Amino acid sequence: GVKSNFITSGELKAAGLPLNKMTPQERAYLQSTVDQLQDI
């Protein structure tokens, strides 16, 4: 019965927080970040 309720400045600010269900947009953003780091 615990619900998350975040007020953020942008749609991706809370990406990856454990109480949030990850959206396709958040997953794509985080995957892009990992890919950039892998390129480095």
Full PDB file with SEQRES, HELIX, SHEET, SSBOND, CRYST1, ORIGX, SCALE, CONECT and MASTER records, all heavy atoms in Angstrom:
SEQRES   1 A   40  GLY VAL LYS SER ASN PHE ILE THR SER GLY GLU LEU LYS          
SEQRES   2 A   40  ALA ALA GLY LEU PRO LEU ASN LYS MET THR PRO GLN GLU          
SEQRES   3 A   40  ARG ALA TYR LEU GLN SER THR VAL ASP GLN LEU GLN ASP          
SEQRES   4 A   40  ILE                                                          
HELIX    1 AA1 PRO A   24  ASP A   39  1                                  16    
CRYST1    1.000    1.000    1.000  90.00  90.00  90.00 P 1           1          
ORIGX1      1.000000  0.000000  0.000000        0.00000                         
ORIGX2      0.000000  1.000000  0.000000        0.00000                         
ORIGX3      0.000000  0.000000  1.000000        0.00000                         
SCALE1      1.000000  0.000000  0.000000        0.00000                         
SCALE2      0.000000  1.000000  0.000000        0.00000                         
SCALE3      0.000000  0.000000  1.000000        0.00000                         
ATOM      1  N   GLY A   1       0.793  -1.215   0.000  1.00  0.00           N  
ATOM      2  CA  GLY A   1       0.000   0.000   0.000  1.00  0.00           C  
ATOM      3  C   GLY A   1       0.827   1.267   0.000  1.00  0.00           C  
ATOM      4  O   GLY A   1       0.348   2.337   0.377  1.00  0.00           O  
ATOM      5  N   VAL A   2       2.086   1.168  -0.438  1.00  0.00           N  
ATOM      6  CA  VAL A   2       2.973   2.327  -0.500  1.00  0.00           C  
ATOM      7  C   VAL A   2       2.988   2.848  -1.930  1.00  0.00           C  
ATOM      8  O   VAL A   2       3.229   2.103  -2.876  1.00  0.00           O  
ATOM      9  CB  VAL A   2       4.413   1.965  -0.067  1.00  0.00           C  
ATOM     10  CG1 VAL A   2       5.323   3.177  -0.200  1.00  0.00           C  
ATOM     11  CG2 VAL A   2       4.416   1.438   1.354  1.00  0.00           C  
ATOM     12  N   LYS A   3       2.707   4.132  -2.089  1.00  0.00           N  
ATOM     13  CA  LYS A   3       2.683   4.731  -3.416  1.00  0.00           C  
ATOM     14  C   LYS A   3       3.732   5.840  -3.488  1.00  0.00           C  
ATOM     15  O   LYS A   3       3.863   6.634  -2.558  1.00  0.00           O  
ATOM     16  CB  LYS A   3       1.304   5.306  -3.737  1.00  0.00           C  
ATOM     17  CG  LYS A   3       0.201   4.239  -3.822  1.00  0.00           C  
ATOM     18  CD  LYS A   3      -1.115   4.857  -4.241  1.00  0.00           C  
ATOM     19  CE  LYS A   3      -2.206   3.799  -4.333  1.00  0.00           C  
ATOM     20  NZ  LYS A   3      -1.904   2.778  -5.351  1.00  0.00           N  
ATOM     21  N   SER A   4       4.456   5.889  -4.595  1.00  0.00           N  
ATOM     22  CA  SER A   4       5.440   6.951  -4.787  1.00  0.00           C  
ATOM     23  C   SER A   4       4.741   8.195  -5.318  1.00  0.00           C  
ATOM     24  O   SER A   4       3.763   8.103  -6.068  1.00  0.00           O  
ATOM     25  CB  SER A   4       6.527   6.505  -5.760  1.00  0.00           C  
ATOM     26  OG  SER A   4       5.969   6.231  -7.033  1.00  0.00           O  
ATOM     27  N   ASN A   5       5.248   9.339  -4.948  1.00  0.00           N  
ATOM     28  CA  ASN A   5       4.641  10.592  -5.370  1.00  0.00           C  
ATOM     29  C   ASN A   5       5.735  11.648  -5.484  1.00  0.00           C  
ATOM     30  O   ASN A   5       5.994  12.402  -4.555  1.00  0.00           O  
ATOM     31  CB  ASN A   5       3.570  11.032  -4.375  1.00  0.00           C  
ATOM     32  CG  ASN A   5       2.782  12.224  -4.876  1.00  0.00           C  
ATOM     33  OD1 ASN A   5       2.854  12.572  -6.049  1.00  0.00           O  
ATOM     34  ND2 ASN A   5       2.043  12.870  -3.983  1.00  0.00           N  
ATOM     35  N   PHE A   6       6.415  11.659  -6.639  1.00  0.00           N  
ATOM     36  CA  PHE A   6       7.548  12.555  -6.825  1.00  0.00           C  
ATOM     37  C   PHE A   6       7.128  13.777  -7.630  1.00  0.00           C  
ATOM     38  O   PHE A   6       6.366  13.667  -8.593  1.00  0.00           O  
ATOM     39  CB  PHE A   6       8.691  11.851  -7.560  1.00  0.00           C  
ATOM     40  CG  PHE A   6       9.276  10.691  -6.800  1.00  0.00           C  
ATOM     41  CD1 PHE A   6       8.914   9.390  -7.110  1.00  0.00           C  
ATOM     42  CD2 PHE A   6      10.179  10.907  -5.780  1.00  0.00           C  
ATOM     43  CE1 PHE A   6       9.450   8.331  -6.409  1.00  0.00           C  
ATOM     44  CE2 PHE A   6      10.723   9.845  -5.078  1.00  0.00           C  
ATOM     45  CZ  PHE A   6      10.356   8.551  -5.390  1.00  0.00           C  
ATOM     46  N   ILE A   7       7.627  14.911  -7.233  1.00  0.00           N  
ATOM     47  CA  ILE A   7       7.463  16.132  -8.012  1.00  0.00           C  
ATOM     48  C   ILE A   7       8.817  16.436  -8.640  1.00  0.00           C  
ATOM     49  O   ILE A   7       9.802  16.686  -7.941  1.00  0.00           O  
ATOM     50  CB  ILE A   7       7.011  17.308  -7.121  1.00  0.00           C  
ATOM     51  CG1 ILE A   7       5.658  16.981  -6.476  1.00  0.00           C  
ATOM     52  CG2 ILE A   7       6.914  18.587  -7.938  1.00  0.00           C  
ATOM     53  CD1 ILE A   7       5.201  18.014  -5.473  1.00  0.00           C  
ATOM     54  N   THR A   8       8.898  16.381  -9.943  1.00  0.00           N  
ATOM     55  CA  THR A   8      10.187  16.520 -10.627  1.00  0.00           C  
ATOM     56  C   THR A   8      10.154  17.690 -11.606  1.00  0.00           C  
ATOM     57  O   THR A   8       9.086  18.164 -12.018  1.00  0.00           O  
ATOM     58  CB  THR A   8      10.542  15.237 -11.405  1.00  0.00           C  
ATOM     59  OG1 THR A   8       9.591  15.054 -12.471  1.00  0.00           O  
ATOM     60  CG2 THR A   8      10.507  14.026 -10.491  1.00  0.00           C  
ATOM     61  N   SER A   9      11.331  18.109 -11.997  1.00  0.00           N  
ATOM     62  CA  SER A   9      11.463  19.206 -12.951  1.00  0.00           C  
ATOM     63  C   SER A   9      11.443  18.712 -14.390  1.00  0.00           C  
ATOM     64  O   SER A   9      11.432  19.509 -15.320  1.00  0.00           O  
ATOM     65  CB  SER A   9      12.762  19.968 -12.696  1.00  0.00           C  
ATOM     66  OG  SER A   9      13.866  19.089 -12.797  1.00  0.00           O  
ATOM     67  N   GLY A  10      11.453  17.404 -14.581  1.00  0.00           N  
ATOM     68  CA  GLY A  10      11.441  16.850 -15.930  1.00  0.00           C  
ATOM     69  C   GLY A  10      11.019  15.396 -15.907  1.00  0.00           C  
ATOM     70  O   GLY A  10      11.064  14.733 -14.866  1.00  0.00           O  
ATOM     71  N   GLU A  11      10.637  14.863 -17.050  1.00  0.00           N  
ATOM     72  CA  GLU A  11      10.097  13.510 -17.134  1.00  0.00           C  
ATOM     73  C   GLU A  11      11.119  12.442 -16.770  1.00  0.00           C  
ATOM     74  O   GLU A  11      10.753  11.349 -16.350  1.00  0.00           O  
ATOM     75  CB  GLU A  11       9.562  13.248 -18.541  1.00  0.00           C  
ATOM     76  CG  GLU A  11       8.359  14.102 -18.917  1.00  0.00           C  
ATOM     77  CD  GLU A  11       7.887  13.827 -20.336  1.00  0.00           C  
ATOM     78  OE1 GLU A  11       8.600  13.069 -21.041  1.00  0.00           O  
ATOM     79  OE2 GLU A  11       6.840  14.354 -20.738  1.00  0.00           O  
ATOM     80  N   LEU A  12      12.403  12.743 -16.926  1.00  0.00           N  
ATOM     81  CA  LEU A  12      13.440  11.735 -16.696  1.00  0.00           C  
ATOM     82  C   LEU A  12      14.186  11.924 -15.378  1.00  0.00           C  
ATOM     83  O   LEU A  12      15.103  11.167 -15.083  1.00  0.00           O  
ATOM     84  CB  LEU A  12      14.445  11.748 -17.856  1.00  0.00           C  
ATOM     85  CG  LEU A  12      13.866  11.392 -19.230  1.00  0.00           C  
ATOM     86  CD1 LEU A  12      14.930  11.543 -20.307  1.00  0.00           C  
ATOM     87  CD2 LEU A  12      13.293   9.985 -19.238  1.00  0.00           C  
ATOM     88  N   LYS A  13      13.783  12.926 -14.602  1.00  0.00           N  
ATOM     89  CA  LYS A  13      14.505  13.211 -13.366  1.00  0.00           C  
ATOM     90  C   LYS A  13      14.441  12.043 -12.387  1.00  0.00           C  
ATOM     91  O   LYS A  13      15.404  11.777 -11.654  1.00  0.00           O  
ATOM     92  CB  LYS A  13      13.932  14.477 -12.715  1.00  0.00           C  
ATOM     93  CG  LYS A  13      14.632  14.892 -11.421  1.00  0.00           C  
ATOM     94  CD  LYS A  13      16.086  15.220 -11.657  1.00  0.00           C  
ATOM     95  CE  LYS A  13      16.786  15.654 -10.383  1.00  0.00           C  
ATOM     96  NZ  LYS A  13      18.217  15.889 -10.588  1.00  0.00           N  
ATOM     97  N   ALA A  14      13.345  11.306 -12.345  1.00  0.00           N  
ATOM     98  CA  ALA A  14      13.175  10.206 -11.390  1.00  0.00           C  
ATOM     99  C   ALA A  14      13.467   8.845 -12.009  1.00  0.00           C  
ATOM    100  O   ALA A  14      13.135   7.813 -11.417  1.00  0.00           O  
ATOM    101  CB  ALA A  14      11.761  10.233 -10.812  1.00  0.00           C  
ATOM    102  N   ALA A  15      14.086   8.836 -13.181  1.00  0.00           N  
ATOM    103  CA  ALA A  15      14.367   7.567 -13.860  1.00  0.00           C  
ATOM    104  C   ALA A  15      15.253   6.674 -13.000  1.00  0.00           C  
ATOM    105  O   ALA A  15      16.292   7.106 -12.501  1.00  0.00           O  
ATOM    106  CB  ALA A  15      15.046   7.831 -15.196  1.00  0.00           C  
ATOM    107  N   GLY A  16      14.835   5.433 -12.814  1.00  0.00           N  
ATOM    108  CA  GLY A  16      15.640   4.460 -12.074  1.00  0.00           C  
ATOM    109  C   GLY A  16      15.364   4.400 -10.596  1.00  0.00           C  
ATOM    110  O   GLY A  16      15.944   3.546  -9.905  1.00  0.00           O  
ATOM    111  N   LEU A  17      14.498   5.263 -10.067  1.00  0.00           N  
ATOM    112  CA  LEU A  17      14.196   5.191  -8.636  1.00  0.00           C  
ATOM    113  C   LEU A  17      13.424   3.915  -8.333  1.00  0.00           C  
ATOM    114  O   LEU A  17      12.538   3.513  -9.106  1.00  0.00           O  
ATOM    115  CB  LEU A  17      13.386   6.421  -8.189  1.00  0.00           C  
ATOM    116  CG  LEU A  17      14.145   7.753  -8.221  1.00  0.00           C  
ATOM    117  CD1 LEU A  17      13.245   8.883  -7.750  1.00  0.00           C  
ATOM    118  CD2 LEU A  17      15.393   7.692  -7.355  1.00  0.00           C  
ATOM    119  N   PRO A  18      13.748   3.238  -7.231  1.00  0.00           N  
ATOM    120  CA  PRO A  18      13.208   1.896  -6.979  1.00  0.00           C  
ATOM    121  C   PRO A  18      11.696   1.831  -6.800  1.00  0.00           C  
ATOM    122  O   PRO A  18      11.089   0.784  -7.038  1.00  0.00           O  
ATOM    123  CB  PRO A  18      13.932   1.452  -5.704  1.00  0.00           C  
ATOM    124  CG  PRO A  18      14.433   2.694  -5.076  1.00  0.00           C  
ATOM    125  CD  PRO A  18      14.715   3.632  -6.197  1.00  0.00           C  
ATOM    126  N   LEU A  19      11.044   2.922  -6.394  1.00  0.00           N  
ATOM    127  CA  LEU A  19       9.597   2.892  -6.185  1.00  0.00           C  
ATOM    128  C   LEU A  19       8.812   3.187  -7.454  1.00  0.00           C  
ATOM    129  O   LEU A  19       7.586   3.072  -7.465  1.00  0.00           O  
ATOM    130  CB  LEU A  19       9.197   3.900  -5.096  1.00  0.00           C  
ATOM    131  CG  LEU A  19       9.561   3.528  -3.656  1.00  0.00           C  
ATOM    132  CD1 LEU A  19       9.213   4.663  -2.704  1.00  0.00           C  
ATOM    133  CD2 LEU A  19       8.862   2.248  -3.230  1.00  0.00           C  
ATOM    134  N   ASN A  20       9.515   3.565  -8.512  1.00  0.00           N  
ATOM    135  CA  ASN A  20       8.846   3.900  -9.773  1.00  0.00           C  
ATOM    136  C   ASN A  20       8.899   2.729 -10.746  1.00  0.00           C  
ATOM    137  O   ASN A  20       9.941   2.078 -10.899  1.00  0.00           O  
ATOM    138  CB  ASN A  20       9.526   5.107 -10.428  1.00  0.00           C  
ATOM    139  CG  ASN A  20       9.013   6.416  -9.902  1.00  0.00           C  
ATOM    140  OD1 ASN A  20       8.191   6.451  -8.998  1.00  0.00           O  
ATOM    141  ND2 ASN A  20       9.502   7.513 -10.468  1.00  0.00           N  
ATOM    142  N   LYS A  21       7.802   2.478 -11.409  1.00  0.00           N  
ATOM    143  CA  LYS A  21       7.820   1.533 -12.523  1.00  0.00           C  
ATOM    144  C   LYS A  21       8.483   2.229 -13.706  1.00  0.00           C  
ATOM    145  O   LYS A  21       8.099   3.341 -14.076  1.00  0.00           O  
ATOM    146  CB  LYS A  21       6.399   1.102 -12.887  1.00  0.00           C  
ATOM    147  CG  LYS A  21       5.721   0.228 -11.846  1.00  0.00           C  
ATOM    148  CD  LYS A  21       4.363  -0.235 -12.333  1.00  0.00           C  
ATOM    149  CE  LYS A  21       3.649  -1.066 -11.259  1.00  0.00           C  
ATOM    150  NZ  LYS A  21       4.375  -2.324 -10.977  1.00  0.00           N  
ATOM    151  N   MET A  22       9.496   1.584 -14.290  1.00  0.00           N  
ATOM    152  CA  MET A  22      10.249   2.213 -15.358  1.00  0.00           C  
ATOM    153  C   MET A  22       9.420   2.293 -16.632  1.00  0.00           C  
ATOM    154  O   MET A  22       8.846   1.303 -17.081  1.00  0.00           O  
ATOM    155  CB  MET A  22      11.550   1.446 -15.621  1.00  0.00           C  
ATOM    156  CG  MET A  22      12.484   2.145 -16.588  1.00  0.00           C  
ATOM    157  SD  MET A  22      14.032   1.235 -16.847  1.00  0.00           S  
ATOM    158  CE  MET A  22      14.755   1.334 -15.204  1.00  0.00           C  
ATOM    159  N   THR A  23       9.383   3.467 -17.219  1.00  0.00           N  
ATOM    160  CA  THR A  23       8.663   3.667 -18.473  1.00  0.00           C  
ATOM    161  C   THR A  23       9.586   3.340 -19.646  1.00  0.00           C  
ATOM    162  O   THR A  23      10.815   3.345 -19.511  1.00  0.00           O  
ATOM    163  CB  THR A  23       8.188   5.122 -18.607  1.00  0.00           C  
ATOM    164  OG1 THR A  23       9.336   5.977 -18.726  1.00  0.00           O  
ATOM    165  CG2 THR A  23       7.361   5.535 -17.391  1.00  0.00           C  
ATOM    166  N   PRO A  24       9.034   3.059 -20.832  1.00  0.00           N  
ATOM    167  CA  PRO A  24       9.877   2.821 -22.010  1.00  0.00           C  
ATOM    168  C   PRO A  24      10.818   3.990 -22.297  1.00  0.00           C  
ATOM    169  O   PRO A  24      11.963   3.787 -22.712  1.00  0.00           O  
ATOM    170  CB  PRO A  24       8.855   2.644 -23.134  1.00  0.00           C  
ATOM    171  CG  PRO A  24       7.631   2.130 -22.450  1.00  0.00           C  
ATOM    172  CD  PRO A  24       7.604   2.829 -21.123  1.00  0.00           C  
ATOM    173  N   GLN A  25      10.365   5.218 -22.059  1.00  0.00           N  
ATOM    174  CA  GLN A  25      11.206   6.393 -22.283  1.00  0.00           C  
ATOM    175  C   GLN A  25      12.393   6.418 -21.326  1.00  0.00           C  
ATOM    176  O   GLN A  25      13.522   6.719 -21.728  1.00  0.00           O  
ATOM    177  CB  GLN A  25      10.368   7.666 -22.123  1.00  0.00           C  
ATOM    178  CG  GLN A  25      11.150   8.948 -22.432  1.00  0.00           C  
ATOM    179  CD  GLN A  25      10.331  10.197 -22.175  1.00  0.00           C  
ATOM    180  OE1 GLN A  25       9.270  10.134 -21.563  1.00  0.00           O  
ATOM    181  NE2 GLN A  25      10.815  11.343 -22.644  1.00  0.00           N  
ATOM    182  N   GLU A  26      12.152   6.064 -20.045  1.00  0.00           N  
ATOM    183  CA  GLU A  26      13.229   6.032 -19.057  1.00  0.00           C  
ATOM    184  C   GLU A  26      14.232   4.934 -19.395  1.00  0.00           C  
ATOM    185  O   GLU A  26      15.443   5.137 -19.289  1.00  0.00           O  
ATOM    186  CB  GLU A  26      12.639   5.807 -17.664  1.00  0.00           C  
ATOM    187  CG  GLU A  26      11.881   7.002 -17.117  1.00  0.00           C  
ATOM    188  CD  GLU A  26      11.172   6.702 -15.809  1.00  0.00           C  
ATOM    189  OE1 GLU A  26      10.924   5.505 -15.525  1.00  0.00           O  
ATOM    190  OE2 GLU A  26      10.868   7.640 -15.060  1.00  0.00           O  
ATOM    191  N   ARG A  27      13.723   3.769 -19.807  1.00  0.00           N  
ATOM    192  CA  ARG A  27      14.634   2.664 -20.152  1.00  0.00           C  
ATOM    193  C   ARG A  27      15.511   3.047 -21.338  1.00  0.00           C  
ATOM    194  O   ARG A  27      16.716   2.761 -21.355  1.00  0.00           O  
ATOM    195  CB  ARG A  27      13.831   1.401 -20.457  1.00  0.00           C  
ATOM    196  CG  ARG A  27      14.697   0.213 -20.877  1.00  0.00           C  
ATOM    197  CD  ARG A  27      13.928  -1.080 -20.900  1.00  0.00           C  
ATOM    198  NE  ARG A  27      13.601  -1.516 -19.549  1.00  0.00           N  
ATOM    199  CZ  ARG A  27      14.445  -2.158 -18.751  1.00  0.00           C  
ATOM    200  NH1 ARG A  27      15.688  -2.427 -19.166  1.00  0.00           N  
ATOM    201  NH2 ARG A  27      14.070  -2.535 -17.553  1.00  0.00           N  
ATOM    202  N   ALA A  28      14.915   3.682 -22.339  1.00  0.00           N  
ATOM    203  CA  ALA A  28      15.693   4.091 -23.508  1.00  0.00           C  
ATOM    204  C   ALA A  28      16.766   5.106 -23.126  1.00  0.00           C  
ATOM    205  O   ALA A  28      17.899   5.056 -23.626  1.00  0.00           O  
ATOM    206  CB  ALA A  28      14.758   4.668 -24.566  1.00  0.00           C  
ATOM    207  N   TYR A  29      16.416   6.023 -22.231  1.00  0.00           N  
ATOM    208  CA  TYR A  29      17.369   7.042 -21.767  1.00  0.00           C  
ATOM    209  C   TYR A  29      18.548   6.407 -21.026  1.00  0.00           C  
ATOM    210  O   TYR A  29      19.712   6.720 -21.289  1.00  0.00           O  
ATOM    211  CB  TYR A  29      16.634   8.037 -20.880  1.00  0.00           C  
ATOM    212  CG  TYR A  29      17.513   8.777 -19.894  1.00  0.00           C  
ATOM    213  CD1 TYR A  29      18.486   9.671 -20.320  1.00  0.00           C  
ATOM    214  CD2 TYR A  29      17.359   8.566 -18.526  1.00  0.00           C  
ATOM    215  CE1 TYR A  29      19.289  10.340 -19.409  1.00  0.00           C  
ATOM    216  CE2 TYR A  29      18.152   9.232 -17.609  1.00  0.00           C  
ATOM    217  CZ  TYR A  29      19.116  10.113 -18.053  1.00  0.00           C  
ATOM    218  OH  TYR A  29      19.907  10.765 -17.152  1.00  0.00           O  
ATOM    219  N   LEU A  30      18.234   5.487 -20.099  1.00  0.00           N  
ATOM    220  CA  LEU A  30      19.293   4.846 -19.324  1.00  0.00           C  
ATOM    221  C   LEU A  30      20.148   3.943 -20.209  1.00  0.00           C  
ATOM    222  O   LEU A  30      21.370   3.873 -20.041  1.00  0.00           O  
ATOM    223  CB  LEU A  30      18.688   4.050 -18.171  1.00  0.00           C  
ATOM    224  CG  LEU A  30      18.006   4.889 -17.079  1.00  0.00           C  
ATOM    225  CD1 LEU A  30      17.312   3.990 -16.061  1.00  0.00           C  
ATOM    226  CD2 LEU A  30      19.010   5.793 -16.376  1.00  0.00           C  
ATOM    227  N   GLN A  31      19.535   3.253 -21.162  1.00  0.00           N  
ATOM    228  CA  GLN A  31      20.295   2.405 -22.080  1.00  0.00           C  
ATOM    229  C   GLN A  31      21.235   3.247 -22.923  1.00  0.00           C  
ATOM    230  O   GLN A  31      22.388   2.860 -23.174  1.00  0.00           O  
ATOM    231  CB  GLN A  31      19.346   1.618 -22.981  1.00  0.00           C  
ATOM    232  CG  GLN A  31      20.052   0.621 -23.899  1.00  0.00           C  
ATOM    233  CD  GLN A  31      20.790  -0.462 -23.123  1.00  0.00           C  
ATOM    234  OE1 GLN A  31      20.195  -1.188 -22.345  1.00  0.00           O  
ATOM    235  NE2 GLN A  31      22.106  -0.568 -23.344  1.00  0.00           N  
ATOM    236  N   SER A  32      20.769   4.416 -23.357  1.00  0.00           N  
ATOM    237  CA  SER A  32      21.622   5.320 -24.133  1.00  0.00           C  
ATOM    238  C   SER A  32      22.833   5.765 -23.319  1.00  0.00           C  
ATOM    239  O   SER A  32      23.954   5.856 -23.840  1.00  0.00           O  
ATOM    240  CB  SER A  32      20.805   6.535 -24.578  1.00  0.00           C  
ATOM    241  OG  SER A  32      21.638   7.490 -25.197  1.00  0.00           O  
ATOM    242  N   THR A  33      22.614   6.024 -22.019  1.00  0.00           N  
ATOM    243  CA  THR A  33      23.714   6.431 -21.142  1.00  0.00           C  
ATOM    244  C   THR A  33      24.743   5.315 -21.007  1.00  0.00           C  
ATOM    245  O   THR A  33      25.951   5.546 -21.092  1.00  0.00           O  
ATOM    246  CB  THR A  33      23.171   6.814 -19.759  1.00  0.00           C  
ATOM    247  OG1 THR A  33      22.220   7.873 -19.902  1.00  0.00           O  
ATOM    248  CG2 THR A  33      24.295   7.274 -18.835  1.00  0.00           C  
ATOM    249  N   VAL A  34      24.257   4.089 -20.795  1.00  0.00           N  
ATOM    250  CA  VAL A  34      25.157   2.933 -20.690  1.00  0.00           C  
ATOM    251  C   VAL A  34      25.940   2.752 -21.983  1.00  0.00           C  
ATOM    252  O   VAL A  34      27.146   2.470 -21.966  1.00  0.00           O  
ATOM    253  CB  VAL A  34      24.353   1.665 -20.349  1.00  0.00           C  
ATOM    254  CG1 VAL A  34      25.213   0.413 -20.547  1.00  0.00           C  
ATOM    255  CG2 VAL A  34      23.851   1.713 -18.913  1.00  0.00           C  
ATOM    256  N   ASP A  35      25.272   2.905 -23.130  1.00  0.00           N  
ATOM    257  CA  ASP A  35      25.940   2.733 -24.425  1.00  0.00           C  
ATOM    258  C   ASP A  35      27.057   3.767 -24.600  1.00  0.00           C  
ATOM    259  O   ASP A  35      28.135   3.452 -25.127  1.00  0.00           O  
ATOM    260  CB  ASP A  35      24.929   2.864 -25.562  1.00  0.00           C  
ATOM    261  CG  ASP A  35      23.941   1.699 -25.599  1.00  0.00           C  
ATOM    262  OD1 ASP A  35      24.232   0.660 -24.971  1.00  0.00           O  
ATOM    263  OD2 ASP A  35      22.878   1.848 -26.234  1.00  0.00           O  
ATOM    264  N   GLN A  36      26.813   5.010 -24.168  1.00  0.00           N  
ATOM    265  CA  GLN A  36      27.841   6.041 -24.269  1.00  0.00           C  
ATOM    266  C   GLN A  36      29.052   5.699 -23.400  1.00  0.00           C  
ATOM    267  O   GLN A  36      30.205   5.869 -23.816  1.00  0.00           O  
ATOM    268  CB  GLN A  36      27.273   7.396 -23.841  1.00  0.00           C  
ATOM    269  CG  GLN A  36      26.239   7.969 -24.785  1.00  0.00           C  
ATOM    270  CD  GLN A  36      25.676   9.279 -24.279  1.00  0.00           C  
ATOM    271  OE1 GLN A  36      26.403  10.252 -24.098  1.00  0.00           O  
ATOM    272  NE2 GLN A  36      24.380   9.321 -24.021  1.00  0.00           N  
ATOM    273  N   LEU A  37      28.776   5.220 -22.197  1.00  0.00           N  
ATOM    274  CA  LEU A  37      29.876   4.842 -21.299  1.00  0.00           C  
ATOM    275  C   LEU A  37      30.640   3.642 -21.847  1.00  0.00           C  
ATOM    276  O   LEU A  37      31.868   3.568 -21.734  1.00  0.00           O  
ATOM    277  CB  LEU A  37      29.319   4.526 -19.901  1.00  0.00           C  
ATOM    278  CG  LEU A  37      28.763   5.737 -19.146  1.00  0.00           C  
ATOM    279  CD1 LEU A  37      27.980   5.284 -17.914  1.00  0.00           C  
ATOM    280  CD2 LEU A  37      29.883   6.673 -18.730  1.00  0.00           C  
ATOM    281  N   GLN A  38      29.919   2.707 -22.470  1.00  0.00           N  
ATOM    282  CA  GLN A  38      30.579   1.545 -23.069  1.00  0.00           C  
ATOM    283  C   GLN A  38      31.488   1.993 -24.208  1.00  0.00           C  
ATOM    284  O   GLN A  38      32.593   1.450 -24.388  1.00  0.00           O  
ATOM    285  CB  GLN A  38      29.527   0.551 -23.571  1.00  0.00           C  
ATOM    286  CG  GLN A  38      30.092  -0.657 -24.317  1.00  0.00           C  
ATOM    287  CD  GLN A  38      30.827  -1.634 -23.411  1.00  0.00           C  
ATOM    288  OE1 GLN A  38      31.254  -1.286 -22.308  1.00  0.00           O  
ATOM    289  NE2 GLN A  38      30.978  -2.861 -23.870  1.00  0.00           N  
ATOM    290  N   ASP A  39      31.051   2.978 -24.986  1.00  0.00           N  
ATOM    291  CA  ASP A  39      31.895   3.499 -26.070  1.00  0.00           C  
ATOM    292  C   ASP A  39      33.189   4.097 -25.510  1.00  0.00           C  
ATOM    293  O   ASP A  39      34.262   3.961 -26.114  1.00  0.00           O  
ATOM    294  CB  ASP A  39      31.137   4.558 -26.867  1.00  0.00           C  
ATOM    295  CG  ASP A  39      30.039   3.966 -27.746  1.00  0.00           C  
ATOM    296  OD1 ASP A  39      30.081   2.743 -27.990  1.00  0.00           O  
ATOM    297  OD2 ASP A  39      29.145   4.720 -28.175  1.00  0.00           O  
ATOM    298  N   ILE A  40      33.081   4.781 -24.349  1.00  0.00           N  
ATOM    299  CA  ILE A  40      34.277   5.340 -23.715  1.00  0.00           C  
ATOM    300  C   ILE A  40      35.225   4.217 -23.310  1.00  0.00           C  
ATOM    301  O   ILE A  40      36.437   4.271 -23.577  1.00  0.00           O  
ATOM    302  CB  ILE A  40      33.882   6.185 -22.490  1.00  0.00           C  
ATOM    303  CG1 ILE A  40      33.099   7.431 -22.924  1.00  0.00           C  
ATOM    304  CG2 ILE A  40      35.131   6.587 -21.687  1.00  0.00           C  
ATOM    305  CD1 ILE A  40      32.511   8.225 -21.772  1.00  0.00           C  
TER     306      ILE A  40                                                      
MASTER        0    0    0    1    0    0    0    6  305    1    0    4          
END                                                                             
